[in-house]
mmCIF file of all heavy atoms, coordinates in Angstrom:
data_MODEL
# 
_entry.id   MODEL 
# 
loop_
_atom_site.group_PDB 
_atom_site.id 
_atom_site.type_symbol 
_atom_site.label_atom_id 
_atom_site.label_alt_id 
_atom_site.label_comp_id 
_atom_site.label_asym_id 
_atom_site.label_entity_id 
_atom_site.label_seq_id 
_atom_site.pdbx_PDB_ins_code 
_atom_site.Cartn_x 
_atom_site.Cartn_y 
_atom_site.Cartn_z 
_atom_site.occupancy 
_atom_site.B_iso_or_equiv 
_atom_site.pdbx_formal_charge 
_atom_site.auth_seq_id 
_atom_site.auth_comp_id 
_atom_site.auth_asym_id 
_atom_site.auth_atom_id 
_atom_site.pdbx_PDB_model_num 
ATOM 1   N N   . PHE A 1 1  ? 0.828  -1.207  0.000   1.00 0.00 ? 1  PHE A N   1 
ATOM 2   C CA  . PHE A 1 1  ? 0.000  0.000   0.000   1.00 0.00 ? 1  PHE A CA  1 
ATOM 3   C C   . PHE A 1 1  ? 0.863  1.258   0.000   1.00 0.00 ? 1  PHE A C   1 
ATOM 4   O O   . PHE A 1 1  ? 0.731  2.118   -0.879  1.00 0.00 ? 1  PHE A O   1 
ATOM 5   C CB  . PHE A 1 1  ? -0.916 0.001   1.233   1.00 0.00 ? 1  PHE A CB  1 
ATOM 6   C CG  . PHE A 1 1  ? -1.626 1.306   1.466   1.00 0.00 ? 1  PHE A CG  1 
ATOM 7   C CD1 . PHE A 1 1  ? -2.742 1.643   0.722   1.00 0.00 ? 1  PHE A CD1 1 
ATOM 8   C CD2 . PHE A 1 1  ? -1.175 2.209   2.426   1.00 0.00 ? 1  PHE A CD2 1 
ATOM 9   C CE1 . PHE A 1 1  ? -3.407 2.854   0.922   1.00 0.00 ? 1  PHE A CE1 1 
ATOM 10  C CE2 . PHE A 1 1  ? -1.821 3.415   2.638   1.00 0.00 ? 1  PHE A CE2 1 
ATOM 11  C CZ  . PHE A 1 1  ? -2.937 3.737   1.887   1.00 0.00 ? 1  PHE A CZ  1 
ATOM 12  N N   . SER A 1 2  ? 1.773  1.374   0.951   1.00 0.00 ? 2  SER A N   1 
ATOM 13  C CA  . SER A 1 2  ? 2.486  2.634   1.151   1.00 0.00 ? 2  SER A CA  1 
ATOM 14  C C   . SER A 1 2  ? 3.635  2.855   0.169   1.00 0.00 ? 2  SER A C   1 
ATOM 15  O O   . SER A 1 2  ? 3.835  3.965   -0.332  1.00 0.00 ? 2  SER A O   1 
ATOM 16  C CB  . SER A 1 2  ? 3.016  2.717   2.585   1.00 0.00 ? 2  SER A CB  1 
ATOM 17  O OG  . SER A 1 2  ? 3.897  1.635   2.879   1.00 0.00 ? 2  SER A OG  1 
ATOM 18  N N   . PHE A 1 3  ? 4.409  1.810   -0.142  1.00 0.00 ? 3  PHE A N   1 
ATOM 19  C CA  . PHE A 1 3  ? 5.616  2.034   -0.932  1.00 0.00 ? 3  PHE A CA  1 
ATOM 20  C C   . PHE A 1 3  ? 5.338  2.464   -2.374  1.00 0.00 ? 3  PHE A C   1 
ATOM 21  O O   . PHE A 1 3  ? 6.001  3.388   -2.872  1.00 0.00 ? 3  PHE A O   1 
ATOM 22  C CB  . PHE A 1 3  ? 6.512  0.800   -0.884  1.00 0.00 ? 3  PHE A CB  1 
ATOM 23  C CG  . PHE A 1 3  ? 7.459  0.791   0.293   1.00 0.00 ? 3  PHE A CG  1 
ATOM 24  C CD1 . PHE A 1 3  ? 7.210  1.570   1.414   1.00 0.00 ? 3  PHE A CD1 1 
ATOM 25  C CD2 . PHE A 1 3  ? 8.602  0.010   0.294   1.00 0.00 ? 3  PHE A CD2 1 
ATOM 26  C CE1 . PHE A 1 3  ? 8.067  1.578   2.511   1.00 0.00 ? 3  PHE A CE1 1 
ATOM 27  C CE2 . PHE A 1 3  ? 9.477  0.002   1.361   1.00 0.00 ? 3  PHE A CE2 1 
ATOM 28  C CZ  . PHE A 1 3  ? 9.214  0.791   2.472   1.00 0.00 ? 3  PHE A CZ  1 
ATOM 29  N N   . PRO A 1 4  ? 4.399  1.859   -3.087  1.00 0.00 ? 4  PRO A N   1 
ATOM 30  C CA  . PRO A 1 4  ? 4.143  2.361   -4.444  1.00 0.00 ? 4  PRO A CA  1 
ATOM 31  C C   . PRO A 1 4  ? 3.758  3.839   -4.455  1.00 0.00 ? 4  PRO A C   1 
ATOM 32  O O   . PRO A 1 4  ? 4.177  4.593   -5.343  1.00 0.00 ? 4  PRO A O   1 
ATOM 33  C CB  . PRO A 1 4  ? 2.997  1.473   -4.936  1.00 0.00 ? 4  PRO A CB  1 
ATOM 34  C CG  . PRO A 1 4  ? 3.157  0.197   -4.180  1.00 0.00 ? 4  PRO A CG  1 
ATOM 35  C CD  . PRO A 1 4  ? 3.609  0.632   -2.817  1.00 0.00 ? 4  PRO A CD  1 
ATOM 36  N N   . ARG A 1 5  ? 2.974  4.258   -3.473  1.00 0.00 ? 5  ARG A N   1 
ATOM 37  C CA  . ARG A 1 5  ? 2.565  5.667   -3.413  1.00 0.00 ? 5  ARG A CA  1 
ATOM 38  C C   . ARG A 1 5  ? 3.756  6.576   -3.123  1.00 0.00 ? 5  ARG A C   1 
ATOM 39  O O   . ARG A 1 5  ? 3.880  7.659   -3.704  1.00 0.00 ? 5  ARG A O   1 
ATOM 40  C CB  . ARG A 1 5  ? 1.484  5.848   -2.339  1.00 0.00 ? 5  ARG A CB  1 
ATOM 41  C CG  . ARG A 1 5  ? 0.200  5.100   -2.667  1.00 0.00 ? 5  ARG A CG  1 
ATOM 42  C CD  . ARG A 1 5  ? -0.871 5.289   -1.607  1.00 0.00 ? 5  ARG A CD  1 
ATOM 43  N NE  . ARG A 1 5  ? -2.065 4.506   -1.946  1.00 0.00 ? 5  ARG A NE  1 
ATOM 44  C CZ  . ARG A 1 5  ? -3.291 4.862   -1.655  1.00 0.00 ? 5  ARG A CZ  1 
ATOM 45  N NH1 . ARG A 1 5  ? -3.524 5.993   -0.987  1.00 0.00 ? 5  ARG A NH1 1 
ATOM 46  N NH2 . ARG A 1 5  ? -4.312 4.102   -2.013  1.00 0.00 ? 5  ARG A NH2 1 
ATOM 47  N N   . LEU A 1 6  ? 4.630  6.152   -2.216  1.00 0.00 ? 6  LEU A N   1 
ATOM 48  C CA  . LEU A 1 6  ? 5.783  6.978   -1.874  1.00 0.00 ? 6  LEU A CA  1 
ATOM 49  C C   . LEU A 1 6  ? 6.767  7.075   -3.033  1.00 0.00 ? 6  LEU A C   1 
ATOM 50  O O   . LEU A 1 6  ? 7.341  8.137   -3.278  1.00 0.00 ? 6  LEU A O   1 
ATOM 51  C CB  . LEU A 1 6  ? 6.478  6.431   -0.630  1.00 0.00 ? 6  LEU A CB  1 
ATOM 52  C CG  . LEU A 1 6  ? 5.763  6.692   0.696   1.00 0.00 ? 6  LEU A CG  1 
ATOM 53  C CD1 . LEU A 1 6  ? 6.499  6.009   1.852   1.00 0.00 ? 6  LEU A CD1 1 
ATOM 54  C CD2 . LEU A 1 6  ? 5.646  8.196   0.974   1.00 0.00 ? 6  LEU A CD2 1 
ATOM 55  N N   . TYR A 1 7  ? 6.980  5.976   -3.733  1.00 0.00 ? 7  TYR A N   1 
ATOM 56  C CA  . TYR A 1 7  ? 7.872  6.045   -4.898  1.00 0.00 ? 7  TYR A CA  1 
ATOM 57  C C   . TYR A 1 7  ? 7.345  7.070   -5.900  1.00 0.00 ? 7  TYR A C   1 
ATOM 58  O O   . TYR A 1 7  ? 8.084  7.956   -6.354  1.00 0.00 ? 7  TYR A O   1 
ATOM 59  C CB  . TYR A 1 7  ? 7.977  4.673   -5.575  1.00 0.00 ? 7  TYR A CB  1 
ATOM 60  C CG  . TYR A 1 7  ? 8.898  3.704   -4.881  1.00 0.00 ? 7  TYR A CG  1 
ATOM 61  C CD1 . TYR A 1 7  ? 8.447  2.442   -4.487  1.00 0.00 ? 7  TYR A CD1 1 
ATOM 62  C CD2 . TYR A 1 7  ? 10.233 4.033   -4.632  1.00 0.00 ? 7  TYR A CD2 1 
ATOM 63  C CE1 . TYR A 1 7  ? 9.292  1.541   -3.850  1.00 0.00 ? 7  TYR A CE1 1 
ATOM 64  C CE2 . TYR A 1 7  ? 11.085 3.139   -4.001  1.00 0.00 ? 7  TYR A CE2 1 
ATOM 65  C CZ  . TYR A 1 7  ? 10.602 1.888   -3.614  1.00 0.00 ? 7  TYR A CZ  1 
ATOM 66  O OH  . TYR A 1 7  ? 11.443 1.001   -2.982  1.00 0.00 ? 7  TYR A OH  1 
ATOM 67  N N   . LEU A 1 8  ? 6.067  6.964   -6.232  1.00 0.00 ? 8  LEU A N   1 
ATOM 68  C CA  . LEU A 1 8  ? 5.497  7.878   -7.221  1.00 0.00 ? 8  LEU A CA  1 
ATOM 69  C C   . LEU A 1 8  ? 5.529  9.312   -6.711  1.00 0.00 ? 8  LEU A C   1 
ATOM 70  O O   . LEU A 1 8  ? 5.886  10.238  -7.460  1.00 0.00 ? 8  LEU A O   1 
ATOM 71  C CB  . LEU A 1 8  ? 4.066  7.457   -7.550  1.00 0.00 ? 8  LEU A CB  1 
ATOM 72  C CG  . LEU A 1 8  ? 3.371  8.232   -8.669  1.00 0.00 ? 8  LEU A CG  1 
ATOM 73  C CD1 . LEU A 1 8  ? 4.140  8.117   -9.989  1.00 0.00 ? 8  LEU A CD1 1 
ATOM 74  C CD2 . LEU A 1 8  ? 1.932  7.753   -8.843  1.00 0.00 ? 8  LEU A CD2 1 
ATOM 75  N N   . ALA A 1 9  ? 5.178  9.523   -5.463  1.00 0.00 ? 9  ALA A N   1 
ATOM 76  C CA  . ALA A 1 9  ? 5.148  10.878  -4.895  1.00 0.00 ? 9  ALA A CA  1 
ATOM 77  C C   . ALA A 1 9  ? 6.504  11.555  -4.944  1.00 0.00 ? 9  ALA A C   1 
ATOM 78  O O   . ALA A 1 9  ? 6.598  12.776  -5.109  1.00 0.00 ? 9  ALA A O   1 
ATOM 79  C CB  . ALA A 1 9  ? 4.648  10.823  -3.457  1.00 0.00 ? 9  ALA A CB  1 
ATOM 80  N N   . ALA A 1 10 ? 7.570  10.789  -4.799  1.00 0.00 ? 10 ALA A N   1 
ATOM 81  C CA  . ALA A 1 10 ? 8.917  11.350  -4.761  1.00 0.00 ? 10 ALA A CA  1 
ATOM 82  C C   . ALA A 1 10 ? 9.509  11.573  -6.148  1.00 0.00 ? 10 ALA A C   1 
ATOM 83  O O   . ALA A 1 10 ? 10.616 12.110  -6.269  1.00 0.00 ? 10 ALA A O   1 
ATOM 84  C CB  . ALA A 1 10 ? 9.829  10.439  -3.946  1.00 0.00 ? 10 ALA A CB  1 
ATOM 85  N N   . GLY A 1 11 ? 8.791  11.149  -7.187  1.00 0.00 ? 11 GLY A N   1 
ATOM 86  C CA  . GLY A 1 11 ? 9.289  11.362  -8.541  1.00 0.00 ? 11 GLY A CA  1 
ATOM 87  C C   . GLY A 1 11 ? 10.017 10.175  -9.124  1.00 0.00 ? 11 GLY A C   1 
ATOM 88  O O   . GLY A 1 11 ? 10.667 10.289  -10.160 1.00 0.00 ? 11 GLY A O   1 
ATOM 89  N N   . ILE A 1 12 ? 9.885  9.007   -8.478  1.00 0.00 ? 12 ILE A N   1 
ATOM 90  C CA  . ILE A 1 12 ? 10.494 7.796   -9.008  1.00 0.00 ? 12 ILE A CA  1 
ATOM 91  C C   . ILE A 1 12 ? 9.410  7.100   -9.818  1.00 0.00 ? 12 ILE A C   1 
ATOM 92  O O   . ILE A 1 12 ? 8.546  6.415   -9.276  1.00 0.00 ? 12 ILE A O   1 
ATOM 93  C CB  . ILE A 1 12 ? 11.045 6.897   -7.886  1.00 0.00 ? 12 ILE A CB  1 
ATOM 94  C CG1 . ILE A 1 12 ? 12.210 7.597   -7.166  1.00 0.00 ? 12 ILE A CG1 1 
ATOM 95  C CG2 . ILE A 1 12 ? 11.563 5.585   -8.461  1.00 0.00 ? 12 ILE A CG2 1 
ATOM 96  C CD1 . ILE A 1 12 ? 11.847 8.655   -6.203  1.00 0.00 ? 12 ILE A CD1 1 
ATOM 97  N N   . THR A 1 13 ? 9.428  7.300   -11.106 1.00 0.00 ? 13 THR A N   1 
ATOM 98  C CA  . THR A 1 13 ? 8.352  6.808   -11.966 1.00 0.00 ? 13 THR A CA  1 
ATOM 99  C C   . THR A 1 13 ? 8.612  5.387   -12.468 1.00 0.00 ? 13 THR A C   1 
ATOM 100 O O   . THR A 1 13 ? 7.696  4.738   -12.973 1.00 0.00 ? 13 THR A O   1 
ATOM 101 C CB  . THR A 1 13 ? 8.130  7.745   -13.161 1.00 0.00 ? 13 THR A CB  1 
ATOM 102 O OG1 . THR A 1 13 ? 9.385  7.958   -13.822 1.00 0.00 ? 13 THR A OG1 1 
ATOM 103 C CG2 . THR A 1 13 ? 7.576  9.085   -12.693 1.00 0.00 ? 13 THR A CG2 1 
ATOM 104 N N   . SER A 1 14 ? 9.852  4.919   -12.347 1.00 0.00 ? 14 SER A N   1 
ATOM 105 C CA  . SER A 1 14 ? 10.187 3.541   -12.706 1.00 0.00 ? 14 SER A CA  1 
ATOM 106 C C   . SER A 1 14 ? 11.106 2.971   -11.638 1.00 0.00 ? 14 SER A C   1 
ATOM 107 O O   . SER A 1 14 ? 12.010 3.669   -11.155 1.00 0.00 ? 14 SER A O   1 
ATOM 108 C CB  . SER A 1 14 ? 10.902 3.460   -14.062 1.00 0.00 ? 14 SER A CB  1 
ATOM 109 O OG  . SER A 1 14 ? 10.068 3.847   -15.125 1.00 0.00 ? 14 SER A OG  1 
ATOM 110 N N   . ILE A 1 15 ? 10.867 1.711   -11.265 1.00 0.00 ? 15 ILE A N   1 
ATOM 111 C CA  . ILE A 1 15 ? 11.743 1.068   -10.296 1.00 0.00 ? 15 ILE A CA  1 
ATOM 112 C C   . ILE A 1 15 ? 12.091 -0.343  -10.754 1.00 0.00 ? 15 ILE A C   1 
ATOM 113 O O   . ILE A 1 15 ? 11.337 -0.983  -11.480 1.00 0.00 ? 15 ILE A O   1 
ATOM 114 C CB  . ILE A 1 15 ? 11.106 0.987   -8.887  1.00 0.00 ? 15 ILE A CB  1 
ATOM 115 C CG1 . ILE A 1 15 ? 9.893  0.034   -8.882  1.00 0.00 ? 15 ILE A CG1 1 
ATOM 116 C CG2 . ILE A 1 15 ? 10.725 2.361   -8.367  1.00 0.00 ? 15 ILE A CG2 1 
ATOM 117 C CD1 . ILE A 1 15 ? 9.392  -0.314  -7.483  1.00 0.00 ? 15 ILE A CD1 1 
ATOM 118 N N   . ARG A 1 16 ? 13.266 -0.793  -10.318 1.00 0.00 ? 16 ARG A N   1 
ATOM 119 C CA  . ARG A 1 16 ? 13.584 -2.211  -10.372 1.00 0.00 ? 16 ARG A CA  1 
ATOM 120 C C   . ARG A 1 16 ? 13.645 -2.690  -8.927  1.00 0.00 ? 16 ARG A C   1 
ATOM 121 O O   . ARG A 1 16 ? 14.390 -2.140  -8.110  1.00 0.00 ? 16 ARG A O   1 
ATOM 122 C CB  . ARG A 1 16 ? 14.938 -2.460  -11.033 1.00 0.00 ? 16 ARG A CB  1 
ATOM 123 C CG  . ARG A 1 16 ? 15.318 -3.954  -11.046 1.00 0.00 ? 16 ARG A CG  1 
ATOM 124 C CD  . ARG A 1 16 ? 16.766 -4.183  -11.410 1.00 0.00 ? 16 ARG A CD  1 
ATOM 125 N NE  . ARG A 1 16 ? 17.673 -3.634  -10.417 1.00 0.00 ? 16 ARG A NE  1 
ATOM 126 C CZ  . ARG A 1 16 ? 19.003 -3.757  -10.483 1.00 0.00 ? 16 ARG A CZ  1 
ATOM 127 N NH1 . ARG A 1 16 ? 19.566 -4.388  -11.493 1.00 0.00 ? 16 ARG A NH1 1 
ATOM 128 N NH2 . ARG A 1 16 ? 19.767 -3.226  -9.549  1.00 0.00 ? 16 ARG A NH2 1 
ATOM 129 N N   . THR A 1 17 ? 12.833 -3.682  -8.591  1.00 0.00 ? 17 THR A N   1 
ATOM 130 C CA  . THR A 1 17 ? 12.926 -4.238  -7.248  1.00 0.00 ? 17 THR A CA  1 
ATOM 131 C C   . THR A 1 17 ? 14.231 -5.021  -7.154  1.00 0.00 ? 17 THR A C   1 
ATOM 132 O O   . THR A 1 17 ? 14.491 -5.905  -7.961  1.00 0.00 ? 17 THR A O   1 
ATOM 133 C CB  . THR A 1 17 ? 11.731 -5.153  -6.926  1.00 0.00 ? 17 THR A CB  1 
ATOM 134 O OG1 . THR A 1 17 ? 11.649 -6.179  -7.919  1.00 0.00 ? 17 THR A OG1 1 
ATOM 135 C CG2 . THR A 1 17 ? 10.437 -4.357  -6.914  1.00 0.00 ? 17 THR A CG2 1 
ATOM 136 N N   . GLY A 1 18 ? 15.051 -4.689  -6.175  1.00 0.00 ? 18 GLY A N   1 
ATOM 137 C CA  . GLY A 1 18 ? 16.361 -5.320  -6.031  1.00 0.00 ? 18 GLY A CA  1 
ATOM 138 C C   . GLY A 1 18 ? 16.281 -6.554  -5.167  1.00 0.00 ? 18 GLY A C   1 
ATOM 139 O O   . GLY A 1 18 ? 16.945 -6.647  -4.138  1.00 0.00 ? 18 GLY A O   1 
ATOM 140 N N   . GLY A 1 19 ? 15.482 -7.523  -5.575  1.00 0.00 ? 19 GLY A N   1 
ATOM 141 C CA  . GLY A 1 19 ? 15.251 -8.724  -4.785  1.00 0.00 ? 19 GLY A CA  1 
ATOM 142 C C   . GLY A 1 19 ? 13.866 -8.686  -4.183  1.00 0.00 ? 19 GLY A C   1 
ATOM 143 O O   . GLY A 1 19 ? 13.377 -7.630  -3.775  1.00 0.00 ? 19 GLY A O   1 
ATOM 144 N N   . SER A 1 20 ? 13.219 -9.853  -4.116  1.00 0.00 ? 20 SER A N   1 
ATOM 145 C CA  . SER A 1 20 ? 11.833 -9.900  -3.655  1.00 0.00 ? 20 SER A CA  1 
ATOM 146 C C   . SER A 1 20 ? 11.641 -10.939 -2.563  1.00 0.00 ? 20 SER A C   1 
ATOM 147 O O   . SER A 1 20 ? 12.176 -12.046 -2.643  1.00 0.00 ? 20 SER A O   1 
ATOM 148 C CB  . SER A 1 20 ? 10.914 -10.218 -4.844  1.00 0.00 ? 20 SER A CB  1 
ATOM 149 O OG  . SER A 1 20 ? 9.579  -10.346 -4.420  1.00 0.00 ? 20 SER A OG  1 
ATOM 150 N N   . ILE A 1 21 ? 10.864 -10.561 -1.558  1.00 0.00 ? 21 ILE A N   1 
ATOM 151 C CA  . ILE A 1 21 ? 10.427 -11.500 -0.522  1.00 0.00 ? 21 ILE A CA  1 
ATOM 152 C C   . ILE A 1 21 ? 9.127  -12.172 -0.947  1.00 0.00 ? 21 ILE A C   1 
ATOM 153 O O   . ILE A 1 21 ? 8.915  -13.356 -0.694  1.00 0.00 ? 21 ILE A O   1 
ATOM 154 C CB  . ILE A 1 21 ? 10.232 -10.765 0.827   1.00 0.00 ? 21 ILE A CB  1 
ATOM 155 C CG1 . ILE A 1 21 ? 11.580 -10.269 1.367   1.00 0.00 ? 21 ILE A CG1 1 
ATOM 156 C CG2 . ILE A 1 21 ? 9.550  -11.661 1.847   1.00 0.00 ? 21 ILE A CG2 1 
ATOM 157 C CD1 . ILE A 1 21 ? 12.542 -11.359 1.773   1.00 0.00 ? 21 ILE A CD1 1 
ATOM 158 N N   . GLU A 1 22 ? 8.259  -11.404 -1.609  1.00 0.00 ? 22 GLU A N   1 
ATOM 159 C CA  . GLU A 1 22 ? 6.975  -11.932 -2.092  1.00 0.00 ? 22 GLU A CA  1 
ATOM 160 C C   . GLU A 1 22 ? 6.868  -11.651 -3.599  1.00 0.00 ? 22 GLU A C   1 
ATOM 161 O O   . GLU A 1 22 ? 6.189  -10.711 -4.010  1.00 0.00 ? 22 GLU A O   1 
ATOM 162 C CB  . GLU A 1 22 ? 5.807  -11.284 -1.352  1.00 0.00 ? 22 GLU A CB  1 
ATOM 163 C CG  . GLU A 1 22 ? 5.764  -11.588 0.135   1.00 0.00 ? 22 GLU A CG  1 
ATOM 164 C CD  . GLU A 1 22 ? 4.510  -11.041 0.800   1.00 0.00 ? 22 GLU A CD  1 
ATOM 165 O OE1 . GLU A 1 22 ? 3.499  -10.822 0.098   1.00 0.00 ? 22 GLU A OE1 1 
ATOM 166 O OE2 . GLU A 1 22 ? 4.546  -10.822 2.017   1.00 0.00 ? 22 GLU A OE2 1 
ATOM 167 N N   . PRO A 1 23 ? 7.531  -12.464 -4.444  1.00 0.00 ? 23 PRO A N   1 
ATOM 168 C CA  . PRO A 1 23 ? 7.527  -12.168 -5.881  1.00 0.00 ? 23 PRO A CA  1 
ATOM 169 C C   . PRO A 1 23 ? 6.149  -12.208 -6.521  1.00 0.00 ? 23 PRO A C   1 
ATOM 170 O O   . PRO A 1 23 ? 5.872  -11.409 -7.419  1.00 0.00 ? 23 PRO A O   1 
ATOM 171 C CB  . PRO A 1 23 ? 8.453  -13.246 -6.467  1.00 0.00 ? 23 PRO A CB  1 
ATOM 172 C CG  . PRO A 1 23 ? 8.557  -14.301 -5.417  1.00 0.00 ? 23 PRO A CG  1 
ATOM 173 C CD  . PRO A 1 23 ? 8.386  -13.605 -4.108  1.00 0.00 ? 23 PRO A CD  1 
ATOM 174 N N   . TYR A 1 24 ? 5.263  -13.101 -6.065  1.00 0.00 ? 24 TYR A N   1 
ATOM 175 C CA  . TYR A 1 24 ? 3.916  -13.107 -6.630  1.00 0.00 ? 24 TYR A CA  1 
ATOM 176 C C   . TYR A 1 24 ? 3.206  -11.786 -6.318  1.00 0.00 ? 24 TYR A C   1 
ATOM 177 O O   . TYR A 1 24 ? 2.496  -11.230 -7.160  1.00 0.00 ? 24 TYR A O   1 
ATOM 178 C CB  . TYR A 1 24 ? 3.103  -14.268 -6.070  1.00 0.00 ? 24 TYR A CB  1 
ATOM 179 C CG  . TYR A 1 24 ? 3.369  -15.599 -6.724  1.00 0.00 ? 24 TYR A CG  1 
ATOM 180 C CD1 . TYR A 1 24 ? 3.778  -16.697 -5.988  1.00 0.00 ? 24 TYR A CD1 1 
ATOM 181 C CD2 . TYR A 1 24 ? 3.197  -15.768 -8.103  1.00 0.00 ? 24 TYR A CD2 1 
ATOM 182 C CE1 . TYR A 1 24 ? 4.027  -17.934 -6.586  1.00 0.00 ? 24 TYR A CE1 1 
ATOM 183 C CE2 . TYR A 1 24 ? 3.436  -16.994 -8.711  1.00 0.00 ? 24 TYR A CE2 1 
ATOM 184 C CZ  . TYR A 1 24 ? 3.850  -18.071 -7.951  1.00 0.00 ? 24 TYR A CZ  1 
ATOM 185 O OH  . TYR A 1 24 ? 4.092  -19.282 -8.551  1.00 0.00 ? 24 TYR A OH  1 
ATOM 186 N N   . THR A 1 25 ? 3.403  -11.287 -5.102  1.00 0.00 ? 25 THR A N   1 
ATOM 187 C CA  . THR A 1 25 ? 2.785  -10.012 -4.729  1.00 0.00 ? 25 THR A CA  1 
ATOM 188 C C   . THR A 1 25 ? 3.327  -8.880  -5.588  1.00 0.00 ? 25 THR A C   1 
ATOM 189 O O   . THR A 1 25 ? 2.567  -8.037  -6.086  1.00 0.00 ? 25 THR A O   1 
ATOM 190 C CB  . THR A 1 25 ? 3.029  -9.707  -3.247  1.00 0.00 ? 25 THR A CB  1 
ATOM 191 O OG1 . THR A 1 25 ? 2.551  -10.795 -2.454  1.00 0.00 ? 25 THR A OG1 1 
ATOM 192 C CG2 . THR A 1 25 ? 2.313  -8.435  -2.829  1.00 0.00 ? 25 THR A CG2 1 
ATOM 193 N N   . ASP A 1 26 ? 4.647  -8.854  -5.771  1.00 0.00 ? 26 ASP A N   1 
ATOM 194 C CA  . ASP A 1 26 ? 5.242  -7.789  -6.582  1.00 0.00 ? 26 ASP A CA  1 
ATOM 195 C C   . ASP A 1 26 ? 4.718  -7.814  -8.013  1.00 0.00 ? 26 ASP A C   1 
ATOM 196 O O   . ASP A 1 26 ? 4.436  -6.768  -8.609  1.00 0.00 ? 26 ASP A O   1 
ATOM 197 C CB  . ASP A 1 26 ? 6.764  -7.918  -6.584  1.00 0.00 ? 26 ASP A CB  1 
ATOM 198 C CG  . ASP A 1 26 ? 7.386  -7.525  -5.246  1.00 0.00 ? 26 ASP A CG  1 
ATOM 199 O OD1 . ASP A 1 26 ? 6.643  -7.142  -4.328  1.00 0.00 ? 26 ASP A OD1 1 
ATOM 200 O OD2 . ASP A 1 26 ? 8.625  -7.596  -5.130  1.00 0.00 ? 26 ASP A OD2 1 
# 
């Protein structure tokens, strides 16, 4: 819930997740 909103709010319009704990969720 919180992280996608914070990334976008800060101007990070594209991300690469650097490793996943829940890959299906991502």
